[in-house]
């Protein structure tokens, strides 16, 4: 017969705490490590296919880095207009692991308690999340417009020899508005 003593209880408590800490560190490391193959800076160019079938040239780059709690994806596009104008757009989003394996929430602003939170699509802000399935990192963005319609963007970045294959599509109220597929070379 075993007798439960205070010293046994203390040992059991510390063993449980240590086990929990090791579990949490392992879970966090394995979630963050899913991004490891994607880490790097990539560049390329493509012709974007518009809904009307016209094409417009773009230069594109993406940088994927690991952060303390998750990872960051920063991307830039440079569009060349037929009238000679050049338009540059840049975005950067931090992603944090969720309780669902391979799915990441965007941490695009801080709440009053200093915690990273999602933006609010009902305020016209994008609702963004990411996922990793196999060798593809996908970033989704959902926008709700002033009339209650929506726009959905999907960026698939699939690992390839010496870089990434980028597939981008944009749907507006269910109709294809833009798409592009290109190779981005790793620096």
C-alpha atoms as a PDB file:
ATOM      1  CA  UNK A   1       0.000   0.000   0.000  1.00  0.00           C
ATOM      2  CA  UNK A   2       1.327   3.425  -0.973  1.00  0.00           C
ATOM      3  CA  UNK A   3       1.044   6.345   1.338  1.00  0.00           C
ATOM      4  CA  UNK A   4       0.619   9.792  -0.181  1.00  0.00           C
ATOM      5  CA  UNK A   5       2.914  12.206   1.616  1.00  0.00           C
ATOM      6  CA  UNK A   6       3.621  15.897   1.124  1.00  0.00           C
ATOM      7  CA  UNK A   7       7.086  15.156  -0.285  1.00  0.00           C
ATOM      8  CA  UNK A   8       5.596  12.620  -2.754  1.00  0.00           C
ATOM      9  CA  UNK A   9       2.975  15.175  -3.758  1.00  0.00           C
ATOM     10  CA  UNK A  10       5.630  17.856  -4.319  1.00  0.00           C
ATOM     11  CA  UNK A  11       7.673  15.492  -6.477  1.00  0.00           C
ATOM     12  CA  UNK A  12       4.581  14.527  -8.439  1.00  0.00           C
ATOM     13  CA  UNK A  13       3.610  18.191  -8.896  1.00  0.00           C
ATOM     14  CA  UNK A  14       7.067  19.160 -10.176  1.00  0.00           C
ATOM     15  CA  UNK A  15       7.108  16.141 -12.493  1.00  0.00           C
ATOM     16  CA  UNK A  16       3.714  17.167 -13.902  1.00  0.00           C
ATOM     17  CA  UNK A  17       4.805  20.772 -14.349  1.00  0.00           C
ATOM     18  CA  UNK A  18       8.063  19.750 -16.040  1.00  0.00           C
ATOM     19  CA  UNK A  19       6.175  17.330 -18.295  1.00  0.00           C
ATOM     20  CA  UNK A  20       3.700  20.049 -19.262  1.00  0.00           C
ATOM     21  CA  UNK A  21       6.503  22.530 -20.038  1.00  0.00           C
ATOM     22  CA  UNK A  22       8.311  19.977 -22.219  1.00  0.00           C
ATOM     23  CA  UNK A  23       5.041  19.141 -24.008  1.00  0.00           C
ATOM     24  CA  UNK A  24       4.264  22.810 -24.678  1.00  0.00           C
ATOM     25  CA  UNK A  25       7.764  23.557 -25.930  1.00  0.00           C
ATOM     26  CA  UNK A  26       7.704  20.516 -28.201  1.00  0.00           C
ATOM     27  CA  UNK A  27       4.241  21.389 -29.548  1.00  0.00           C
ATOM     28  CA  UNK A  28       5.278  24.991 -30.240  1.00  0.00           C
ATOM     29  CA  UNK A  29       8.540  23.939 -31.884  1.00  0.00           C
ATOM     30  CA  UNK A  30       6.856  21.358 -34.105  1.00  0.00           C
ATOM     31  CA  UNK A  31       4.181  23.861 -35.194  1.00  0.00           C
ATOM     32  CA  UNK A  32       6.734  26.572 -35.949  1.00  0.00           C
ATOM     33  CA  UNK A  33       9.047  24.095 -37.675  1.00  0.00           C
ATOM     34  CA  UNK A  34       6.404  23.481 -40.356  1.00  0.00           C
ATOM     35  CA  UNK A  35       7.461  26.822 -41.814  1.00  0.00           C
ATOM     36  CA  UNK A  36      11.179  25.962 -41.937  1.00  0.00           C
ATOM     37  CA  UNK A  37      11.313  24.759 -45.576  1.00  0.00           C
ATOM     38  CA  UNK A  38       9.638  28.022 -46.719  1.00  0.00           C
ATOM     39  CA  UNK A  39      12.018  30.408 -44.927  1.00  0.00           C
ATOM     40  CA  UNK A  40      13.771  32.687 -47.412  1.00  0.00           C
ATOM     41  CA  UNK A  41      13.492  35.529 -49.899  1.00  0.00           C
ATOM     42  CA  UNK A  42      12.085  34.909 -53.381  1.00  0.00           C
ATOM     43  CA  UNK A  43      11.793  37.057 -56.553  1.00  0.00           C
ATOM     44  CA  UNK A  44      10.139  36.701 -59.932  1.00  0.00           C
ATOM     45  CA  UNK A  45       7.851  38.239 -62.515  1.00  0.00           C
ATOM     46  CA  UNK A  46       4.682  37.234 -64.311  1.00  0.00           C
ATOM     47  CA  UNK A  47       1.768  38.364 -66.410  1.00  0.00           C
ATOM     48  CA  UNK A  48      -1.421  38.684 -64.401  1.00  0.00           C
ATOM     49  CA  UNK A  49      -4.544  37.532 -66.231  1.00  0.00           C
ATOM     50  CA  UNK A  50      -7.459  39.905 -65.593  1.00  0.00           C
ATOM     51  CA  UNK A  51     -11.162  38.950 -65.690  1.00  0.00           C
ATOM     52  CA  UNK A  52     -11.485  40.414 -69.211  1.00  0.00           C
ATOM     53  CA  UNK A  53      -8.582  38.254 -70.449  1.00  0.00           C
ATOM     54  CA  UNK A  54      -6.105  41.128 -70.664  1.00  0.00           C
ATOM     55  CA  UNK A  55      -2.645  40.657 -69.174  1.00  0.00           C
ATOM     56  CA  UNK A  56      -0.464  43.016 -67.193  1.00  0.00           C
ATOM     57  CA  UNK A  57       3.193  42.514 -66.238  1.00  0.00           C
ATOM     58  CA  UNK A  58       4.216  42.362 -62.573  1.00  0.00           C
ATOM     59  CA  UNK A  59       7.381  41.946 -60.588  1.00  0.00           C
ATOM     60  CA  UNK A  60       6.866  40.042 -57.353  1.00  0.00           C
ATOM     61  CA  UNK A  61       8.822  39.179 -54.256  1.00  0.00           C
ATOM     62  CA  UNK A  62       8.094  37.440 -50.984  1.00  0.00           C
ATOM     63  CA  UNK A  63      10.070  37.052 -47.787  1.00  0.00           C
ATOM     64  CA  UNK A  64       9.139  34.407 -45.232  1.00  0.00           C
ATOM     65  CA  UNK A  65      10.806  34.522 -41.815  1.00  0.00           C
ATOM     66  CA  UNK A  66      10.313  32.703 -38.547  1.00  0.00           C
ATOM     67  CA  UNK A  67       9.300  34.869 -35.583  1.00  0.00           C
ATOM     68  CA  UNK A  68       9.329  34.140 -31.865  1.00  0.00           C
ATOM     69  CA  UNK A  69       5.798  32.741 -31.860  1.00  0.00           C
ATOM     70  CA  UNK A  70       5.155  31.871 -35.502  1.00  0.00           C
ATOM     71  CA  UNK A  71       6.211  33.355 -38.822  1.00  0.00           C
ATOM     72  CA  UNK A  72       5.891  36.442 -41.022  1.00  0.00           C
ATOM     73  CA  UNK A  73       5.096  36.634 -44.731  1.00  0.00           C
ATOM     74  CA  UNK A  74       5.945  39.933 -46.457  1.00  0.00           C
ATOM     75  CA  UNK A  75       5.261  40.378 -50.140  1.00  0.00           C
ATOM     76  CA  UNK A  76       5.545  43.126 -52.728  1.00  0.00           C
ATOM     77  CA  UNK A  77       4.174  43.546 -56.220  1.00  0.00           C
ATOM     78  CA  UNK A  78       5.118  46.139 -58.815  1.00  0.00           C
ATOM     79  CA  UNK A  79       2.524  46.612 -61.567  1.00  0.00           C
ATOM     80  CA  UNK A  80       3.350  48.261 -64.875  1.00  0.00           C
ATOM     81  CA  UNK A  81       0.389  50.090 -66.423  1.00  0.00           C
ATOM     82  CA  UNK A  82      -0.035  50.586 -70.194  1.00  0.00           C
ATOM     83  CA  UNK A  83       0.110  54.376 -69.747  1.00  0.00           C
ATOM     84  CA  UNK A  84       3.588  54.116 -68.172  1.00  0.00           C
ATOM     85  CA  UNK A  85       2.528  54.375 -64.531  1.00  0.00           C
ATOM     86  CA  UNK A  86       4.112  52.048 -62.003  1.00  0.00           C
ATOM     87  CA  UNK A  87       2.149  50.924 -58.951  1.00  0.00           C
ATOM     88  CA  UNK A  88       3.841  49.281 -55.988  1.00  0.00           C
ATOM     89  CA  UNK A  89       1.991  47.406 -53.226  1.00  0.00           C
ATOM     90  CA  UNK A  90       3.550  45.867 -50.124  1.00  0.00           C
ATOM     91  CA  UNK A  91       2.028  43.743 -47.374  1.00  0.00           C
ATOM     92  CA  UNK A  92       3.340  42.078 -44.246  1.00  0.00           C
ATOM     93  CA  UNK A  93       1.430  39.668 -42.005  1.00  0.00           C
ATOM     94  CA  UNK A  94       2.482  37.836 -38.860  1.00  0.00           C
ATOM     95  CA  UNK A  95       0.975  34.381 -38.371  1.00  0.00           C
ATOM     96  CA  UNK A  96       0.523  32.498 -35.104  1.00  0.00           C
ATOM     97  CA  UNK A  97      -0.220  28.801 -34.620  1.00  0.00           C
ATOM     98  CA  UNK A  98      -3.766  27.851 -33.685  1.00  0.00           C
ATOM     99  CA  UNK A  99      -5.018  24.782 -31.847  1.00  0.00           C
ATOM    100  CA  UNK A 100      -5.598  23.219 -35.291  1.00  0.00           C
ATOM    101  CA  UNK A 101      -2.476  21.640 -36.767  1.00  0.00           C
ATOM    102  CA  UNK A 102      -1.161  23.470 -39.833  1.00  0.00           C
ATOM    103  CA  UNK A 103      -3.612  26.389 -39.565  1.00  0.00           C
ATOM    104  CA  UNK A 104      -2.368  29.845 -38.563  1.00  0.00           C
ATOM    105  CA  UNK A 105      -4.220  32.984 -37.537  1.00  0.00           C
ATOM    106  CA  UNK A 106      -3.068  36.383 -38.690  1.00  0.00           C
ATOM    107  CA  UNK A 107      -1.840  38.705 -35.974  1.00  0.00           C
ATOM    108  CA  UNK A 108      -2.378  42.045 -37.674  1.00  0.00           C
ATOM    109  CA  UNK A 109      -3.163  44.313 -34.729  1.00  0.00           C
ATOM    110  CA  UNK A 110      -3.037  44.387 -30.933  1.00  0.00           C
ATOM    111  CA  UNK A 111      -6.082  44.468 -28.672  1.00  0.00           C
ATOM    112  CA  UNK A 112      -6.326  46.549 -25.483  1.00  0.00           C
ATOM    113  CA  UNK A 113      -4.524  43.779 -23.580  1.00  0.00           C
ATOM    114  CA  UNK A 114      -1.599  43.743 -26.030  1.00  0.00           C
ATOM    115  CA  UNK A 115      -2.556  40.399 -27.590  1.00  0.00           C
ATOM    116  CA  UNK A 116      -2.228  39.899 -31.328  1.00  0.00           C
ATOM    117  CA  UNK A 117      -5.668  39.558 -32.950  1.00  0.00           C
ATOM    118  CA  UNK A 118      -7.380  39.300 -36.336  1.00  0.00           C
ATOM    119  CA  UNK A 119      -8.772  42.312 -38.166  1.00  0.00           C
ATOM    120  CA  UNK A 120     -12.541  42.780 -38.473  1.00  0.00           C
ATOM    121  CA  UNK A 121     -13.975  42.132 -41.964  1.00  0.00           C
ATOM    122  CA  UNK A 122     -17.235  43.866 -40.962  1.00  0.00           C
ATOM    123  CA  UNK A 123     -15.209  47.088 -40.727  1.00  0.00           C
ATOM    124  CA  UNK A 124     -13.816  46.662 -44.245  1.00  0.00           C
ATOM    125  CA  UNK A 125     -10.583  45.123 -42.932  1.00  0.00           C
ATOM    126  CA  UNK A 126      -9.248  41.869 -44.387  1.00  0.00           C
ATOM    127  CA  UNK A 127      -9.737  38.631 -42.467  1.00  0.00           C
ATOM    128  CA  UNK A 128      -6.504  36.711 -43.081  1.00  0.00           C
ATOM    129  CA  UNK A 129      -5.358  33.218 -42.187  1.00  0.00           C
ATOM    130  CA  UNK A 130      -2.801  30.725 -43.424  1.00  0.00           C
ATOM    131  CA  UNK A 131      -2.249  27.021 -43.649  1.00  0.00           C
ATOM    132  CA  UNK A 132       0.495  24.594 -44.502  1.00  0.00           C
ATOM    133  CA  UNK A 133      -0.476  21.370 -46.235  1.00  0.00           C
ATOM    134  CA  UNK A 134       2.442  19.297 -47.442  1.00  0.00           C
ATOM    135  CA  UNK A 135       4.766  21.508 -49.452  1.00  0.00           C
ATOM    136  CA  UNK A 136       2.279  24.384 -49.923  1.00  0.00           C
ATOM    137  CA  UNK A 137       1.897  27.468 -47.762  1.00  0.00           C
ATOM    138  CA  UNK A 138      -1.429  29.169 -48.471  1.00  0.00           C
ATOM    139  CA  UNK A 139      -2.508  32.632 -47.344  1.00  0.00           C
ATOM    140  CA  UNK A 140      -6.204  33.503 -47.616  1.00  0.00           C
ATOM    141  CA  UNK A 141      -7.683  37.023 -47.388  1.00  0.00           C
ATOM    142  CA  UNK A 142     -11.408  37.714 -47.166  1.00  0.00           C
ATOM    143  CA  UNK A 143     -12.778  41.231 -47.663  1.00  0.00           C
ATOM    144  CA  UNK A 144     -16.394  42.287 -47.118  1.00  0.00           C
ATOM    145  CA  UNK A 145     -17.249  45.404 -49.159  1.00  0.00           C
ATOM    146  CA  UNK A 146     -19.579  48.272 -48.213  1.00  0.00           C
ATOM    147  CA  UNK A 147     -22.511  46.570 -50.005  1.00  0.00           C
ATOM    148  CA  UNK A 148     -21.998  43.235 -48.234  1.00  0.00           C
ATOM    149  CA  UNK A 149     -20.322  41.597 -51.202  1.00  0.00           C
ATOM    150  CA  UNK A 150     -16.996  39.856 -50.842  1.00  0.00           C
ATOM    151  CA  UNK A 151     -13.595  39.415 -52.345  1.00  0.00           C
ATOM    152  CA  UNK A 152     -11.500  36.338 -51.660  1.00  0.00           C
ATOM    153  CA  UNK A 153      -7.784  36.174 -52.383  1.00  0.00           C
ATOM    154  CA  UNK A 154      -5.698  33.018 -52.259  1.00  0.00           C
ATOM    155  CA  UNK A 155      -1.911  32.858 -52.447  1.00  0.00           C
ATOM    156  CA  UNK A 156      -0.506  29.327 -52.801  1.00  0.00           C
ATOM    157  CA  UNK A 157       3.264  29.163 -52.440  1.00  0.00           C
ATOM    158  CA  UNK A 158       4.494  25.661 -53.238  1.00  0.00           C
ATOM    159  CA  UNK A 159       8.079  24.563 -52.675  1.00  0.00           C
ATOM    160  CA  UNK A 160       9.995  23.815 -55.863  1.00  0.00           C
ATOM    161  CA  UNK A 161      13.636  23.277 -56.729  1.00  0.00           C
ATOM    162  CA  UNK A 162      15.449  26.611 -56.150  1.00  0.00           C
ATOM    163  CA  UNK A 163      12.281  28.493 -55.197  1.00  0.00           C
ATOM    164  CA  UNK A 164       8.512  28.606 -54.984  1.00  0.00           C
ATOM    165  CA  UNK A 165       5.666  28.261 -57.448  1.00  0.00           C
ATOM    166  CA  UNK A 166       3.220  31.092 -56.743  1.00  0.00           C
ATOM    167  CA  UNK A 167      -0.427  30.691 -57.703  1.00  0.00           C
ATOM    168  CA  UNK A 168      -2.648  33.673 -56.947  1.00  0.00           C
ATOM    169  CA  UNK A 169      -6.364  33.983 -57.545  1.00  0.00           C
ATOM    170  CA  UNK A 170      -8.919  36.602 -56.656  1.00  0.00           C
ATOM    171  CA  UNK A 171     -12.656  36.021 -56.650  1.00  0.00           C
ATOM    172  CA  UNK A 172     -15.150  38.862 -56.436  1.00  0.00           C
ATOM    173  CA  UNK A 173     -18.606  37.691 -55.336  1.00  0.00           C
ATOM    174  CA  UNK A 174     -17.787  34.210 -56.634  1.00  0.00           C
ATOM    175  CA  UNK A 175     -16.499  35.331 -60.036  1.00  0.00           C
ATOM    176  CA  UNK A 176     -12.859  35.051 -61.066  1.00  0.00           C
ATOM    177  CA  UNK A 177     -11.342  38.535 -61.175  1.00  0.00           C
ATOM    178  CA  UNK A 178      -7.588  37.877 -61.453  1.00  0.00           C
ATOM    179  CA  UNK A 179      -5.123  35.029 -61.507  1.00  0.00           C
ATOM    180  CA  UNK A 180      -1.412  34.481 -61.889  1.00  0.00           C
ATOM    181  CA  UNK A 181       0.991  31.583 -61.771  1.00  0.00           C
ATOM    182  CA  UNK A 182       4.754  32.020 -61.771  1.00  0.00           C
ATOM    183  CA  UNK A 183       8.018  30.778 -60.360  1.00  0.00           C
ATOM    184  CA  UNK A 184       9.780  32.821 -57.674  1.00  0.00           C
ATOM    185  CA  UNK A 185      13.513  32.120 -57.428  1.00  0.00           C
ATOM    186  CA  UNK A 186      15.099  31.840 -53.985  1.00  0.00           C
ATOM    187  CA  UNK A 187      17.954  34.210 -53.252  1.00  0.00           C
END
